Protein backbone atom coordinates (compact mmCIF):
# COMPACT_ATOMS: atom_id res chain seq x y z
CA MET A 1 0.00 0.00 0.00
CA ASP A 2 1.20 3.48 -0.82
CA GLU A 3 2.35 5.58 2.11
CA LEU A 4 0.07 8.53 2.75
CA ARG A 5 1.49 11.94 3.54
CA ALA A 6 -0.35 15.08 4.56
CA THR A 7 0.07 18.80 4.90
CA THR A 8 -2.23 21.72 5.42
CA VAL A 9 -2.82 24.88 3.44
CA ASP A 10 -4.55 28.01 4.70
CA THR A 11 -7.22 29.31 2.34
CA PRO A 12 -10.02 31.88 2.47
CA ILE A 13 -12.41 29.01 3.29
CA GLY A 14 -10.26 27.69 6.15
CA THR A 15 -7.35 25.32 6.59
CA LEU A 16 -7.55 22.41 4.17
CA THR A 17 -5.70 19.15 4.77
CA LEU A 18 -4.07 17.68 1.68
CA VAL A 19 -3.39 13.94 1.61
CA ALA A 20 -1.24 12.31 -1.06
CA THR A 21 0.83 9.33 -2.07
CA ASP A 22 4.00 9.62 -4.12
CA ALA A 23 1.78 9.08 -7.18
CA GLY A 24 -0.58 11.99 -6.59
CA LEU A 25 -3.10 13.90 -4.52
CA ARG A 26 -5.60 11.55 -2.90
CA GLU A 27 -7.79 13.79 -0.73
CA ILE A 28 -8.59 17.34 0.26
CA ARG A 29 -10.18 17.39 3.69
CA TRP A 30 -12.38 20.28 4.80
CA PRO A 31 -11.72 22.34 7.91
CA GLY A 32 -13.18 20.57 10.92
CA SER A 33 -12.81 17.11 9.38
CA PRO A 34 -11.97 14.40 11.87
CA PRO A 35 -8.31 14.39 12.90
CA THR A 36 -6.10 12.49 10.55
CA VAL A 37 -3.77 9.69 11.49
CA VAL A 38 -1.72 10.41 8.39
CA PRO A 39 1.87 11.41 9.16
CA ALA A 40 2.37 15.10 8.46
CA ARG A 41 5.31 15.03 6.09
CA THR A 42 5.95 16.88 2.92
CA ALA A 43 6.16 15.47 -0.60
CA PRO A 44 6.55 17.16 -3.98
CA VAL A 45 2.92 16.46 -4.90
CA LEU A 46 1.75 18.09 -1.66
CA ASP A 47 3.91 21.14 -2.35
CA GLN A 48 2.44 21.38 -5.86
CA ALA A 49 -1.14 20.97 -4.62
CA ALA A 50 -0.66 23.62 -1.92
CA GLU A 51 0.88 26.04 -4.44
CA GLU A 52 -1.91 25.47 -6.97
CA LEU A 53 -4.62 25.97 -4.33
CA THR A 54 -2.92 29.19 -3.21
CA ASP A 55 -2.83 30.36 -6.84
CA TYR A 56 -6.48 29.36 -7.34
CA PHE A 57 -7.62 31.38 -4.35
CA GLY A 58 -5.39 34.24 -5.49
CA GLY A 59 -7.24 34.33 -8.83
CA ARG A 60 -4.15 33.21 -10.77
CA LEU A 61 -5.08 29.61 -11.60
CA ARG A 62 -8.12 28.24 -13.40
CA ARG A 63 -7.12 24.62 -14.03
CA PHE A 64 -5.20 22.29 -11.74
CA ASP A 65 -2.29 20.20 -12.98
CA VAL A 66 -1.41 18.37 -9.77
CA PRO A 67 -1.32 14.60 -10.41
CA LEU A 68 -4.12 12.64 -8.76
CA ASP A 69 -4.12 9.19 -7.15
CA LEU A 70 -7.82 8.61 -6.60
CA VAL A 71 -9.49 5.54 -5.14
CA GLY A 72 -13.08 4.81 -6.13
CA THR A 73 -15.38 2.66 -8.21
CA PRO A 74 -14.99 2.72 -12.00
CA PHE A 75 -18.16 4.85 -12.21
CA GLN A 76 -16.87 7.31 -9.60
CA LEU A 77 -13.49 7.59 -11.33
CA ARG A 78 -15.15 8.32 -14.69
CA HIS A 79 -17.45 10.90 -13.12
CA TRP A 80 -14.65 12.60 -11.18
CA ALA A 81 -12.58 12.84 -14.38
CA SER A 82 -15.55 14.49 -16.12
CA LEU A 83 -15.66 17.22 -13.47
CA ALA A 84 -12.34 18.57 -14.73
CA ALA A 85 -14.04 19.43 -18.05
CA ILE A 86 -16.49 21.89 -16.45
CA PRO A 87 -15.10 25.29 -17.43
CA TYR A 88 -13.90 27.67 -14.73
CA GLY A 89 -16.54 30.15 -13.68
CA THR A 90 -19.44 28.16 -15.11
CA THR A 91 -21.93 25.66 -13.73
CA THR A 92 -23.68 22.58 -15.05
CA THR A 93 -26.40 20.35 -13.64
CA TYR A 94 -26.46 16.76 -12.45
CA GLY A 95 -28.85 15.99 -15.33
CA ASP A 96 -26.55 17.54 -17.92
CA LEU A 97 -23.66 15.46 -16.62
CA ALA A 98 -25.79 12.33 -16.78
CA VAL A 99 -26.70 13.08 -20.41
CA ARG A 100 -23.02 13.70 -21.26
CA GLN A 101 -22.15 10.39 -19.64
CA GLY A 102 -24.75 8.60 -21.75
CA ASN A 103 -27.61 7.93 -19.35
CA VAL A 104 -30.11 10.62 -18.34
CA ARG A 105 -31.39 8.34 -15.56
CA ARG A 106 -28.07 8.48 -13.74
CA ALA A 107 -28.50 11.99 -12.31
CA ARG A 108 -28.87 10.60 -8.77
CA ALA A 109 -25.81 8.39 -9.20
CA ILE A 110 -23.95 11.46 -10.47
CA GLY A 111 -25.03 13.29 -7.32
CA ALA A 112 -23.77 10.46 -5.13
CA ALA A 113 -20.43 10.34 -6.98
CA ASN A 114 -20.18 14.11 -6.67
CA GLY A 115 -20.70 13.84 -2.92
CA ALA A 116 -17.90 11.27 -2.71
CA ASN A 117 -15.40 13.43 -4.66
CA PRO A 118 -12.21 13.17 -2.59
CA VAL A 119 -10.51 16.22 -4.13
CA PRO A 120 -13.07 19.04 -4.17
CA ILE A 121 -11.96 22.30 -5.77
CA VAL A 122 -9.28 20.47 -7.81
CA LEU A 123 -12.08 18.42 -9.41
CA PRO A 124 -14.72 21.15 -9.27
CA CYS A 125 -17.84 19.45 -7.96
CA HIS A 126 -18.86 22.88 -6.65
CA ARG A 127 -19.71 23.77 -10.26
CA VAL A 128 -22.57 21.25 -10.33
CA VAL A 129 -25.96 22.69 -9.36
CA GLY A 130 -29.59 21.59 -9.34
CA THR A 131 -31.67 21.67 -12.51
CA ASP A 132 -33.27 24.92 -11.37
CA GLY A 133 -29.85 26.48 -10.69
CA SER A 134 -30.13 26.00 -6.94
CA LEU A 135 -27.11 25.09 -4.91
CA ALA A 136 -27.39 21.42 -4.08
CA GLY A 137 -25.40 19.50 -1.47
CA PHE A 138 -21.70 20.09 -1.06
CA GLY A 139 -19.25 18.49 1.36
CA GLY A 140 -17.86 21.84 2.43
CA GLY A 141 -21.34 23.27 2.98
CA LEU A 142 -23.50 25.43 0.75
CA GLU A 143 -21.92 28.65 2.03
CA VAL A 144 -18.49 27.45 0.85
CA LYS A 145 -19.98 26.35 -2.47
CA ARG A 146 -21.41 29.85 -2.96
CA LEU A 147 -18.04 31.41 -2.01
CA LEU A 148 -16.21 29.24 -4.56
CA LEU A 149 -18.69 30.07 -7.33
CA ASP A 150 -18.56 33.78 -6.48
CA HIS A 151 -14.74 33.67 -6.42
CA GLU A 152 -14.65 32.13 -9.91
CA SER A 153 -17.22 34.59 -11.20
CA ARG A 154 -15.07 37.50 -10.02
CA HIS A 155 -11.86 36.10 -11.57
CA ARG A 156 -13.27 34.88 -14.89
């Protein structure tokens, strides 16, 4: 099993915990997440992820390049990869994503996969909204989702 390493990065939405293997970023944990048992040691991928998040929140980065090392079902992995295609500063709906993935009836499954996204912000699940444009569930809370969308709108 790959050794996990972690670091933290201070952001306008609080201190995020970044967890990675040598292969890539595995998780971004929200402020207030349960304490981690992951050793707090640095790694190049953690340095890159922290720098990219800092640049994102500074309005200087619109697309992340940090390598990822995600663990999930084949469906989740496909969905998470599709999140990276949602343009910066825009939104889409769960239904639209289901149609793009070939099955309009999978909107609920898309929502569940979205909720399980281990690297929010990097894979922008905050850009997915309800059919009526309403903010739907988000691991960091709806206030954080609104802040992220407003941030991108300002820096578009």
